[in-house]
Amino acid sequence: MAFITVAGENWFAAHQVAGTHPNIERFVLAYIEGLGAEPADRIESMPAPAAIVLERAWDRRGSAGPNQVVYSMLLDATIGDFVFNWVGLAGADDVLVAASHIAPITKTATDGDVRGNNLTRNFALAFSGIAALLDLDVPADAWQMDFTWAALAGKPDTFPPDPHNHDDRYYTVEEVDAELAGKSNTGHNHDDRYYTEAEVDTALAGKSDTGHNHDDRYYTEAEVDAELAGKSNTGHNHDDRYYTEAEVDTALAGKSDTGHNHDDRYYTEAEVDTALAGKSNTGHNHDDRYYTEAEVDTALAGKSDTGHNHDDRYYTKTQLQTSGQASAHWDNVGTGRRNAITHLGSDLRDTMPFSGDMDALVTPGDYYYNSDCTHAPSDYGLVKVWREVAGVVYQQAQESHGGRLYSRYLTGGVWTAWRTYADSADVVPRAADLRVGSIALGAIYGLSAGYAPGTVLDSSGDHRFILWNINGDNNWATPTGTWVSLGCIDGAGSGQLAIRTA
């Protein structure tokens, strides 16, 4: 049974919307091996070129009512030979409009005395409003009926003259055309821009009638007007106090979402808190161990910038380091003068702050160190660094508070221990060297073990010399009075001297 393909149906609908007439131009006959039943979904394609046995324009067409048309093709005895089991109608746009699967038919052409056969193929198409769509007003049976005057029955006895006119009860052709202009055909279909009757009924289900009234759960028209008074229209425009959508999009381009996460190129809040722990506030003040901004400015006043350049009154570093470039080349300066120059340069330098590992401090100069330093002899102080030759470095330090002096030196890649300079409080004289005027007490009394505590060694003059404790336990004292006591003195003549005035 012939069927209109889905592609053909869409083709008709597109022409209906456009108000144009589609052109069905030819029959297509083909023989397809293994041809089955016609597809239920009406999706059919044109046969392969090798399977097509004939393509021929239709000979006649006509309407069988407003919703059906018939196309006919006459094949006389001059056409053949071939067999076909598939018939199709194709449009001007090469659209397969309709098709039919049939039993195989043989078409032969006359060959000498052997007469060929004649075939007529009719193709009926049913589609709403198709006759008007294809601009067909000729009945399909017109070529099969007798339209002679005598054969016509029921014709009137008289007819109006050809140039007659109708009164105003009738529309003229122009009036009818004007009325129909832009109107759709009776059997037209709407595309998906329109609701079907069923879709409209579904959409209106449960909706209120036009004249219904609302209770106090809804605003009245007056209440809505009052609510909207002073409100902007939906399509209002803002002035330049506001960003447009495009400006906001541009401003946000490349910005992170509110809830975004950072990768490991950034510190987390916990890592920042840990890093800031123990750090000073931005507005903190330093004590007198540090220079103020004014003191730094004063110290730097008149100083040259780090990257300053000298004019031609001075030798460049390259000239001084290149033999023959300058009369004052280092190679031409004797060892004694080099030492003097080095010492002079050291004396002229300001004390530089240093914090770090003092084992790494090998550049000659004067430095101020603090409690952040490692391998330092004290918490705070000054240190002076000399370099004898590469790999041999001396350090001498003076602590800030006690004033003690320390020294050490680097050789063979190893620093010696810090040596502490003794002062008067650290002196421990030998007993044999103790004197009253020019008299050595050790020589007079032959100090040795066996003296009882309190033994008077000498009471001449204004002083009394008493050995209070000679037993080596370092615990000694003096009786009431004014004297000088000796304590912890053994037979070898060693001990401590203390002076006590009571």
Protein backbone atom coordinates (compact mmCIF):
# COMPACT_ATOMS: atom_id res chain seq x y z
CA MET A 1 0.00 0.00 0.00
CA ALA A 2 1.40 3.41 -0.93
CA PHE A 3 2.44 5.68 1.96
CA ILE A 4 3.67 9.25 2.38
CA THR A 5 7.14 9.26 3.96
CA VAL A 6 7.98 11.29 7.06
CA ALA A 7 10.31 13.39 4.91
CA GLY A 8 7.46 14.01 2.44
CA GLU A 9 5.07 15.00 5.19
CA ASN A 10 7.59 17.51 6.63
CA TRP A 11 8.16 18.83 3.10
CA PHE A 12 4.42 19.47 2.64
CA ALA A 13 4.18 21.17 6.08
CA ALA A 14 7.11 23.48 5.31
CA HIS A 15 5.48 24.62 2.06
CA GLN A 16 2.17 25.18 3.87
CA VAL A 17 3.87 27.45 6.40
CA ALA A 18 5.69 29.30 3.62
CA GLY A 19 2.52 29.59 1.50
CA THR A 20 4.22 27.97 -1.52
CA HIS A 21 3.26 25.01 -3.74
CA PRO A 22 5.54 21.95 -3.67
CA ASN A 23 6.44 20.36 -7.00
CA ILE A 24 6.22 16.57 -7.33
CA GLU A 25 8.12 16.02 -10.55
CA ARG A 26 8.79 12.32 -11.27
CA PHE A 27 8.17 8.62 -10.71
CA VAL A 28 11.04 6.37 -9.62
CA LEU A 29 10.97 2.62 -10.33
CA ALA A 30 13.50 0.24 -8.74
CA TYR A 31 14.15 -3.40 -8.15
CA ILE A 32 15.46 -4.10 -4.63
CA GLU A 33 16.70 -7.57 -3.74
CA GLY A 34 15.14 -8.92 -0.56
CA LEU A 35 12.61 -6.09 -0.35
CA GLY A 36 10.48 -6.56 2.76
CA ALA A 37 7.31 -5.00 4.11
CA GLU A 38 6.70 -1.28 4.09
CA PRO A 39 8.14 0.43 7.21
CA ALA A 40 5.64 1.13 9.96
CA ASP A 41 7.44 4.37 10.92
CA ARG A 42 7.23 5.61 7.28
CA ILE A 43 10.95 6.36 7.23
CA GLU A 44 12.12 5.47 3.72
CA SER A 45 15.11 6.54 1.64
CA MET A 46 15.79 6.67 -2.08
CA PRO A 47 17.12 3.32 -3.47
CA ALA A 48 20.76 2.99 -4.42
CA PRO A 49 21.46 4.22 -7.99
CA ALA A 50 22.29 0.65 -9.13
CA ALA A 51 18.80 -0.51 -8.06
CA ILE A 52 16.88 2.22 -9.96
CA VAL A 53 15.56 0.94 -13.33
CA LEU A 54 13.59 4.03 -14.45
CA GLU A 55 13.02 7.71 -13.53
CA ARG A 56 10.26 9.38 -15.54
CA ALA A 57 8.06 12.47 -15.22
CA TRP A 58 4.40 11.89 -14.44
CA ASP A 59 1.94 12.12 -17.31
CA ARG A 60 -1.26 13.21 -15.58
CA ARG A 61 -2.43 14.31 -12.14
CA GLY A 62 -5.72 15.34 -10.60
CA SER A 63 -7.59 15.69 -7.32
CA ALA A 64 -9.98 13.20 -5.81
CA GLY A 65 -11.28 15.69 -3.27
CA PRO A 66 -9.61 18.42 -1.17
CA ASN A 67 -7.52 15.89 0.79
CA GLN A 68 -6.44 13.42 -1.94
CA VAL A 69 -4.61 13.65 -5.28
CA VAL A 70 -3.63 11.07 -7.91
CA TYR A 71 -0.45 11.02 -10.05
CA SER A 72 -0.37 8.77 -13.15
CA MET A 73 2.42 7.54 -15.44
CA LEU A 74 1.83 5.77 -18.80
CA LEU A 75 4.47 3.27 -19.99
CA ASP A 76 3.92 2.27 -23.63
CA ALA A 77 5.46 -0.63 -25.58
CA THR A 78 8.56 1.36 -26.48
CA ILE A 79 9.80 1.30 -22.86
CA GLY A 80 11.61 -1.73 -21.44
CA ASP A 81 12.97 -4.21 -20.63
CA PHE A 82 13.17 -4.27 -16.78
CA VAL A 83 11.58 -5.65 -13.61
CA PHE A 84 10.55 -3.47 -10.66
CA ASN A 85 9.11 -4.08 -7.18
CA TRP A 86 9.40 -0.54 -5.74
CA VAL A 87 7.60 2.63 -6.86
CA GLY A 88 8.28 6.12 -5.52
CA LEU A 89 7.35 9.77 -6.10
CA ALA A 90 10.15 12.33 -5.88
CA GLY A 91 9.90 16.11 -5.42
CA ALA A 92 11.82 18.89 -7.11
CA ASP A 93 14.10 19.09 -4.05
CA ASP A 94 14.97 15.40 -4.56
CA VAL A 95 12.75 14.59 -1.57
CA LEU A 96 11.24 11.08 -1.54
CA VAL A 97 7.58 12.08 -1.05
CA ALA A 98 5.89 8.67 -1.17
CA ALA A 99 6.73 5.02 -1.84
CA SER A 100 5.09 1.65 -2.36
CA HIS A 101 6.42 -1.92 -2.03
CA ILE A 102 4.79 -4.20 -4.64
CA ALA A 103 5.14 -7.66 -6.13
CA PRO A 104 7.69 -7.76 -8.99
CA ILE A 105 6.31 -6.48 -12.36
CA THR A 106 8.02 -7.08 -15.69
CA LYS A 107 7.97 -4.32 -18.31
CA THR A 108 8.97 -5.26 -21.86
CA ALA A 109 9.46 -3.24 -25.05
CA THR A 110 8.46 -4.30 -28.56
CA ASP A 111 11.29 -6.23 -30.20
CA GLY A 112 10.60 -6.93 -33.89
CA ASP A 113 7.56 -9.14 -34.14
CA VAL A 114 7.42 -9.56 -30.34
CA ARG A 115 5.01 -6.97 -28.99
CA GLY A 116 5.90 -5.22 -25.77
CA ASN A 117 3.40 -4.48 -23.00
CA ASN A 118 1.74 -1.21 -21.90
CA LEU A 119 1.49 -0.26 -18.23
CA THR A 120 -0.17 2.52 -16.28
CA ARG A 121 0.98 3.31 -12.73
CA ASN A 122 -1.31 5.45 -10.54
CA PHE A 123 -0.15 6.86 -7.18
CA ALA A 124 -2.79 8.25 -4.76
CA LEU A 125 -1.66 10.65 -1.98
CA ALA A 126 -3.92 11.49 0.97
CA PHE A 127 -2.99 14.59 3.01
CA SER A 128 -5.10 17.28 4.64
CA GLY A 129 -5.61 20.10 2.14
CA ILE A 130 -3.24 18.52 -0.41
CA ALA A 131 -5.25 19.53 -3.48
CA ALA A 132 -4.99 23.22 -2.63
CA LEU A 133 -1.40 22.77 -1.48
CA LEU A 134 -0.43 21.33 -4.89
CA ASP A 135 -2.68 23.82 -6.68
CA LEU A 136 -4.79 21.02 -8.24
CA ASP A 137 -8.39 21.69 -9.29
CA VAL A 138 -8.74 19.00 -12.00
CA PRO A 139 -10.63 15.89 -10.88
CA ALA A 140 -8.54 12.75 -11.10
CA ASP A 141 -11.22 11.01 -13.20
CA ALA A 142 -11.31 13.84 -15.75
CA TRP A 143 -9.19 11.91 -18.23
CA GLN A 144 -11.42 8.82 -17.85
CA MET A 145 -14.91 10.48 -18.28
CA ASP A 146 -16.92 11.69 -21.31
CA PHE A 147 -17.26 15.46 -21.03
CA THR A 148 -19.06 16.05 -24.33
CA TRP A 149 -22.07 18.44 -24.18
CA ALA A 150 -24.48 15.72 -25.05
CA ALA A 151 -23.19 13.47 -22.32
CA LEU A 152 -23.76 16.09 -19.66
CA ALA A 153 -26.97 15.55 -17.70
CA GLY A 154 -28.86 18.12 -15.62
CA LYS A 155 -27.49 21.13 -17.42
CA PRO A 156 -29.77 24.27 -17.30
CA ASP A 157 -31.80 25.39 -20.24
CA THR A 158 -30.40 28.92 -20.20
CA PHE A 159 -27.18 30.54 -18.97
CA PRO A 160 -26.29 34.08 -18.01
CA PRO A 161 -24.44 36.00 -20.70
CA ASP A 162 -20.66 35.80 -20.43
CA PRO A 163 -20.08 39.49 -19.45
CA HIS A 164 -22.78 39.56 -16.69
CA ASN A 165 -22.20 41.17 -13.23
CA HIS A 166 -23.25 40.14 -9.71
CA ASP A 167 -24.80 42.53 -7.21
CA ASP A 168 -23.26 43.37 -3.79
CA ARG A 169 -24.54 40.18 -2.26
CA TYR A 170 -21.48 38.54 -3.76
CA TYR A 171 -17.77 39.17 -3.35
CA THR A 172 -15.78 39.98 -6.43
CA VAL A 173 -12.59 38.02 -7.21
CA GLU A 174 -10.50 40.87 -5.82
CA GLU A 175 -12.55 40.99 -2.62
CA VAL A 176 -12.28 37.24 -2.13
CA ASP A 177 -8.52 37.38 -2.75
CA ALA A 178 -8.20 40.23 -0.24
CA GLU A 179 -10.20 38.30 2.37
CA LEU A 180 -8.13 35.15 1.85
CA ALA A 181 -4.78 36.93 1.80
CA GLY A 182 -2.69 35.62 4.69
CA LYS A 183 -5.33 33.00 5.61
CA SER A 184 -4.31 29.36 6.03
CA ASN A 185 -5.78 26.53 4.01
CA THR A 186 -8.69 24.69 5.61
CA GLY A 187 -6.70 21.53 6.18
CA HIS A 188 -3.46 23.18 7.30
CA ASN A 189 -1.44 21.95 10.27
CA HIS A 190 0.35 24.06 12.87
CA ASP A 191 3.95 23.46 13.86
CA ASP A 192 5.16 23.22 17.48
CA ARG A 193 4.93 26.97 17.94
CA TYR A 194 1.20 26.40 18.58
CA TYR A 195 -0.69 24.34 21.15
CA THR A 196 -2.98 21.56 19.92
CA GLU A 197 -6.57 21.42 21.16
CA ALA A 198 -5.60 18.68 23.61
CA GLU A 199 -2.64 20.72 24.89
CA VAL A 200 -4.87 23.77 25.37
CA ASP A 201 -7.46 21.68 27.28
CA THR A 202 -4.72 20.29 29.50
CA ALA A 203 -3.27 23.76 30.12
CA LEU A 204 -6.71 25.17 31.04
CA ALA A 205 -7.65 22.29 33.31
CA GLY A 206 -8.06 23.59 36.83
CA LYS A 207 -7.98 27.22 35.72
CA SER A 208 -10.60 29.65 36.96
CA ASP A 209 -13.27 31.21 34.77
CA THR A 210 -12.63 34.70 33.44
CA GLY A 211 -15.20 36.36 35.71
CA HIS A 212 -14.28 34.61 38.98
CA ASN A 213 -13.54 36.52 42.22
CA HIS A 214 -10.63 36.02 44.60
CA ASP A 215 -10.87 35.94 48.39
CA ASP A 216 -8.59 37.94 50.72
CA ARG A 217 -5.67 35.62 50.05
CA TYR A 218 -5.11 37.64 46.89
CA TYR A 219 -4.41 41.31 46.24
CA THR A 220 -7.11 43.34 44.49
CA GLU A 221 -6.22 45.42 41.45
CA ALA A 222 -6.14 48.53 43.64
CA GLU A 223 -3.85 46.81 46.16
CA VAL A 224 -1.50 45.67 43.39
CA ASP A 225 -1.43 49.20 41.96
CA ALA A 226 -0.55 50.56 45.41
CA GLU A 227 2.19 47.96 45.84
CA LEU A 228 3.66 48.76 42.42
CA ALA A 229 3.53 52.52 42.84
CA GLY A 230 7.03 53.87 42.59
CA LYS A 231 8.41 50.56 41.39
CA SER A 232 10.42 50.42 38.17
CA ASN A 233 9.10 48.79 35.03
CA THR A 234 10.48 45.37 34.15
CA GLY A 235 12.31 46.78 31.16
CA HIS A 236 13.70 49.89 32.87
CA ASN A 237 17.29 51.07 32.40
CA HIS A 238 19.73 52.11 35.12
CA ASP A 239 21.91 55.20 34.94
CA ASP A 240 25.71 55.12 35.24
CA ARG A 241 25.54 54.64 38.99
CA TYR A 242 25.00 50.96 38.25
CA TYR A 243 27.00 48.38 36.32
CA THR A 244 25.36 46.78 33.29
CA GLU A 245 25.25 43.01 32.99
CA ALA A 246 28.11 43.14 30.47
CA GLU A 247 30.19 45.32 32.83
CA VAL A 248 29.57 42.94 35.74
CA ASP A 249 30.52 39.95 33.56
CA THR A 250 33.72 41.74 32.51
CA ALA A 251 34.56 42.64 36.11
CA LEU A 252 33.99 39.05 37.28
CA ALA A 253 35.91 37.48 34.41
CA GLY A 254 38.81 35.52 35.85
CA LYS A 255 37.59 35.95 39.46
CA SER A 256 37.32 32.88 41.70
CA ASP A 257 34.06 31.52 43.06
CA THR A 258 33.21 32.49 46.65
CA GLY A 259 33.84 28.96 47.89
CA HIS A 260 37.01 28.28 45.93
CA ASN A 261 40.08 26.51 47.35
CA HIS A 262 43.71 27.52 46.89
CA ASP A 263 46.43 25.08 45.87
CA ASP A 264 49.78 24.69 47.64
CA ARG A 265 51.08 27.91 46.13
CA TYR A 266 49.21 29.68 48.95
CA TYR A 267 49.41 29.46 52.76
CA THR A 268 46.34 28.24 54.64
CA GLU A 269 45.00 30.26 57.56
CA ALA A 270 46.65 27.82 59.99
CA GLU A 271 49.99 28.10 58.16
CA VAL A 272 49.81 31.91 58.24
CA ASP A 273 48.98 31.87 61.98
CA THR A 274 51.95 29.55 62.61
CA ALA A 275 54.28 31.74 60.53
CA LEU A 276 53.16 34.91 62.38
CA ALA A 277 53.41 33.38 65.84
CA GLY A 278 56.04 35.29 67.80
CA LYS A 279 56.29 38.01 65.16
CA SER A 280 55.93 41.65 66.18
CA ASN A 281 52.90 43.76 65.33
CA THR A 282 53.28 46.21 62.47
CA GLY A 283 53.21 49.18 64.82
CA HIS A 284 55.64 47.81 67.47
CA ASN A 285 58.51 49.88 68.89
CA HIS A 286 62.17 48.85 69.23
CA ASP A 287 64.32 49.47 72.29
CA ASP A 288 67.69 51.27 72.23
CA ARG A 289 69.41 48.23 70.73
CA TYR A 290 68.04 49.38 67.37
CA TYR A 291 68.36 52.59 65.37
CA THR A 292 65.23 54.69 64.87
CA GLU A 293 64.25 55.89 61.41
CA ALA A 294 65.59 59.36 62.24
CA GLU A 295 68.90 57.87 63.46
CA VAL A 296 69.21 55.78 60.28
CA ASP A 297 68.45 58.84 58.15
CA THR A 298 71.08 60.83 60.02
CA ALA A 299 73.63 58.01 59.62
CA LEU A 300 72.89 57.73 55.90
CA ALA A 301 72.92 61.49 55.27
CA GLY A 302 75.67 62.26 52.82
CA LYS A 303 76.28 58.59 52.05
CA SER A 304 76.25 57.40 48.43
CA ASP A 305 73.62 55.05 47.03
CA THR A 306 74.61 51.38 46.79
CA GLY A 307 74.64 51.49 42.99
CA HIS A 308 76.40 54.87 42.63
CA ASN A 309 79.10 55.44 40.01
CA HIS A 310 82.37 57.32 40.35
CA ASP A 311 83.66 59.72 37.73
CA ASP A 312 87.07 59.47 36.06
CA ARG A 313 88.81 60.83 39.15
CA TYR A 314 88.61 57.27 40.50
CA TYR A 315 89.88 53.94 39.25
CA THR A 316 87.24 51.28 38.57
CA LYS A 317 87.42 47.88 40.23
CA THR A 318 88.39 46.36 36.89
CA GLN A 319 91.25 48.83 36.49
CA LEU A 320 92.51 48.14 40.01
CA GLN A 321 92.26 44.39 39.48
CA THR A 322 93.93 44.41 36.06
CA SER A 323 97.70 44.66 36.12
CA GLY A 324 98.96 47.65 34.18
CA GLN A 325 95.61 49.47 34.18
CA ALA A 326 96.27 51.60 37.26
CA SER A 327 99.41 52.85 38.99
CA ALA A 328 97.77 51.90 42.31
CA HIS A 329 97.14 48.27 41.26
CA TRP A 330 97.00 45.87 44.22
CA ASP A 331 99.84 43.85 42.72
CA ASN A 332 102.10 46.90 43.13
CA VAL A 333 101.25 47.48 46.82
CA GLY A 334 103.61 45.89 49.34
CA THR A 335 102.45 43.56 52.09
CA GLY A 336 102.88 46.18 54.81
CA ARG A 337 100.88 48.75 52.91
CA ARG A 338 98.21 46.19 52.09
CA ASN A 339 97.78 45.49 55.80
CA ALA A 340 97.61 49.21 56.52
CA ILE A 341 95.05 49.72 53.78
CA THR A 342 92.99 46.78 55.06
CA HIS A 343 93.15 48.11 58.63
CA LEU A 344 92.21 51.62 57.50
CA GLY A 345 89.22 50.27 55.53
CA SER A 346 88.10 48.31 58.57
CA ASP A 347 88.35 51.37 60.82
CA LEU A 348 86.30 53.47 58.46
CA ARG A 349 83.38 51.06 58.27
CA ASP A 350 80.28 51.39 60.47
CA THR A 351 79.41 48.49 62.74
CA MET A 352 77.13 46.17 60.79
CA PRO A 353 74.31 44.14 62.39
CA PHE A 354 74.67 40.36 62.15
CA SER A 355 72.30 37.51 63.05
CA GLY A 356 72.98 33.94 62.08
CA ASP A 357 75.73 31.38 62.53
CA MET A 358 78.91 33.12 63.64
CA ASP A 359 80.90 30.19 62.25
CA ALA A 360 79.97 31.58 58.82
CA LEU A 361 81.12 35.14 59.66
CA VAL A 362 84.46 35.28 57.79
CA THR A 363 84.23 38.65 56.00
CA PRO A 364 86.53 41.22 57.65
CA GLY A 365 84.67 44.00 59.42
CA ASP A 366 82.99 45.18 62.64
CA TYR A 367 79.63 43.64 63.54
CA TYR A 368 76.96 43.83 66.21
CA TYR A 369 75.50 40.43 67.11
CA ASN A 370 72.37 39.47 69.11
CA SER A 371 70.74 36.50 70.80
CA ASP A 372 69.54 35.10 67.44
CA CYS A 373 73.15 34.14 66.60
CA THR A 374 74.50 30.64 67.07
CA HIS A 375 78.07 29.82 68.14
CA ALA A 376 78.32 33.28 69.76
CA PRO A 377 80.24 33.73 73.06
CA SER A 378 77.39 35.77 74.66
CA ASP A 379 73.83 37.03 73.99
CA TYR A 380 74.75 40.52 72.70
CA GLY A 381 77.97 42.28 71.79
CA LEU A 382 80.44 43.48 69.18
CA VAL A 383 82.70 41.23 67.14
CA LYS A 384 85.65 42.18 64.94
CA VAL A 385 86.78 39.89 62.12
CA TRP A 386 90.27 39.79 60.54
CA ARG A 387 91.44 37.58 57.73
CA GLU A 388 95.11 36.71 57.62
CA VAL A 389 94.92 34.70 54.39
CA ALA A 390 92.19 32.66 52.75
CA GLY A 391 91.07 30.03 55.28
CA VAL A 392 92.67 31.71 58.35
CA VAL A 393 90.24 34.08 60.12
CA TYR A 394 90.30 35.70 63.58
CA GLN A 395 87.31 36.82 65.66
CA GLN A 396 87.46 39.01 68.79
CA ALA A 397 84.20 39.71 70.65
CA GLN A 398 83.18 42.00 73.54
CA GLU A 399 79.90 41.32 75.31
CA SER A 400 77.47 44.24 75.74
CA HIS A 401 76.78 44.10 79.48
CA GLY A 402 79.71 42.55 81.36
CA GLY A 403 82.32 43.87 78.98
CA ARG A 404 84.21 40.55 78.86
CA LEU A 405 86.48 39.89 75.88
CA TYR A 406 86.65 36.66 73.87
CA SER A 407 88.68 35.48 70.90
CA ARG A 408 89.05 32.51 68.60
CA TYR A 409 90.36 31.74 65.11
CA LEU A 410 89.57 29.53 62.09
CA THR A 411 92.18 27.34 60.47
CA GLY A 412 91.91 24.20 58.40
CA GLY A 413 88.14 24.69 58.26
CA VAL A 414 87.77 24.33 62.08
CA TRP A 415 87.12 27.08 64.65
CA THR A 416 88.92 26.92 68.01
CA ALA A 417 86.89 27.28 71.20
CA TRP A 418 86.22 30.80 72.46
CA ARG A 419 88.97 31.93 74.89
CA THR A 420 87.90 34.31 77.66
CA TYR A 421 90.19 37.18 78.67
CA ALA A 422 90.66 37.32 82.52
CA ASP A 423 90.25 40.57 84.46
CA SER A 424 91.32 41.61 87.97
CA ALA A 425 88.45 39.74 89.57
CA ASP A 426 89.75 36.49 88.09
CA VAL A 427 93.39 36.80 89.45
CA VAL A 428 94.37 33.97 91.91
CA PRO A 429 97.81 34.73 93.42
CA ARG A 430 100.13 32.05 94.79
CA ALA A 431 100.66 32.21 98.55
CA ALA A 432 104.42 32.19 98.10
CA ASP A 433 104.06 35.47 96.20
CA LEU A 434 102.00 37.22 98.88
CA ARG A 435 103.85 40.17 100.31
CA VAL A 436 103.66 42.73 103.12
CA GLY A 437 105.62 45.61 101.68
CA SER A 438 108.73 43.92 100.27
CA ILE A 439 108.49 40.81 102.47
CA ALA A 440 107.25 37.57 100.88
CA LEU A 441 105.05 35.81 103.44
CA GLY A 442 105.63 32.38 102.00
CA ALA A 443 109.37 32.79 102.30
CA ILE A 444 109.14 34.02 105.92
CA TYR A 445 106.75 31.51 107.36
CA GLY A 446 107.46 28.50 105.17
CA LEU A 447 103.73 27.86 104.77
CA SER A 448 102.87 24.18 104.96
CA ALA A 449 100.20 21.88 106.28
CA GLY A 450 99.72 21.51 110.05
CA TYR A 451 98.83 25.04 111.11
CA ALA A 452 95.72 25.23 113.24
CA PRO A 453 92.96 27.61 112.20
CA GLY A 454 93.52 31.02 113.76
CA THR A 455 97.31 30.77 113.79
CA VAL A 456 98.78 34.26 113.79
CA LEU A 457 101.44 34.42 111.14
CA ASP A 458 102.32 38.09 111.62
CA SER A 459 100.88 40.84 113.80
CA SER A 460 103.37 43.57 113.17
CA GLY A 461 102.30 46.96 111.93
CA ASP A 462 98.68 47.87 111.39
CA HIS A 463 97.66 44.41 109.99
CA ARG A 464 97.33 40.94 111.39
CA PHE A 465 97.85 38.01 108.96
CA ILE A 466 95.99 34.92 110.16
CA LEU A 467 95.74 31.53 108.49
CA TRP A 468 92.10 30.79 109.26
CA ASN A 469 91.72 27.51 107.35
CA ILE A 470 94.54 25.46 105.88
CA ASN A 471 92.74 22.19 105.44
CA GLY A 472 91.95 22.66 101.72
CA ASP A 473 88.15 22.89 101.99
CA ASN A 474 88.00 26.45 100.63
CA ASN A 475 85.88 27.58 103.61
CA TRP A 476 87.54 30.33 105.57
CA ALA A 477 86.62 33.47 107.53
CA THR A 478 88.24 36.03 109.83
CA PRO A 479 87.67 37.00 113.44
CA THR A 480 86.29 40.35 114.38
CA GLY A 481 88.74 43.13 113.81
CA THR A 482 90.69 44.62 110.97
CA TRP A 483 93.09 42.28 109.11
CA VAL A 484 93.90 40.43 105.94
CA SER A 485 93.23 36.66 106.02
CA LEU A 486 94.86 33.92 104.02
CA GLY A 487 92.87 30.80 103.24
CA CYS A 488 93.33 27.38 101.54
CA ILE A 489 97.08 27.61 101.69
CA ASP A 490 98.91 24.28 101.47
CA GLY A 491 102.54 23.37 101.82
CA ALA A 492 103.20 24.13 98.16
CA GLY A 493 102.35 27.76 98.77
CA SER A 494 99.15 28.01 96.67
CA GLY A 495 95.93 29.57 97.89
CA GLN A 496 93.61 32.54 97.76
CA LEU A 497 93.94 35.98 99.17
CA ALA A 498 90.95 37.84 100.61
CA ILE A 499 90.80 41.14 102.36
CA ARG A 500 88.08 41.73 104.88
CA THR A 501 87.62 44.87 106.95
CA ALA A 502 85.36 44.37 109.96
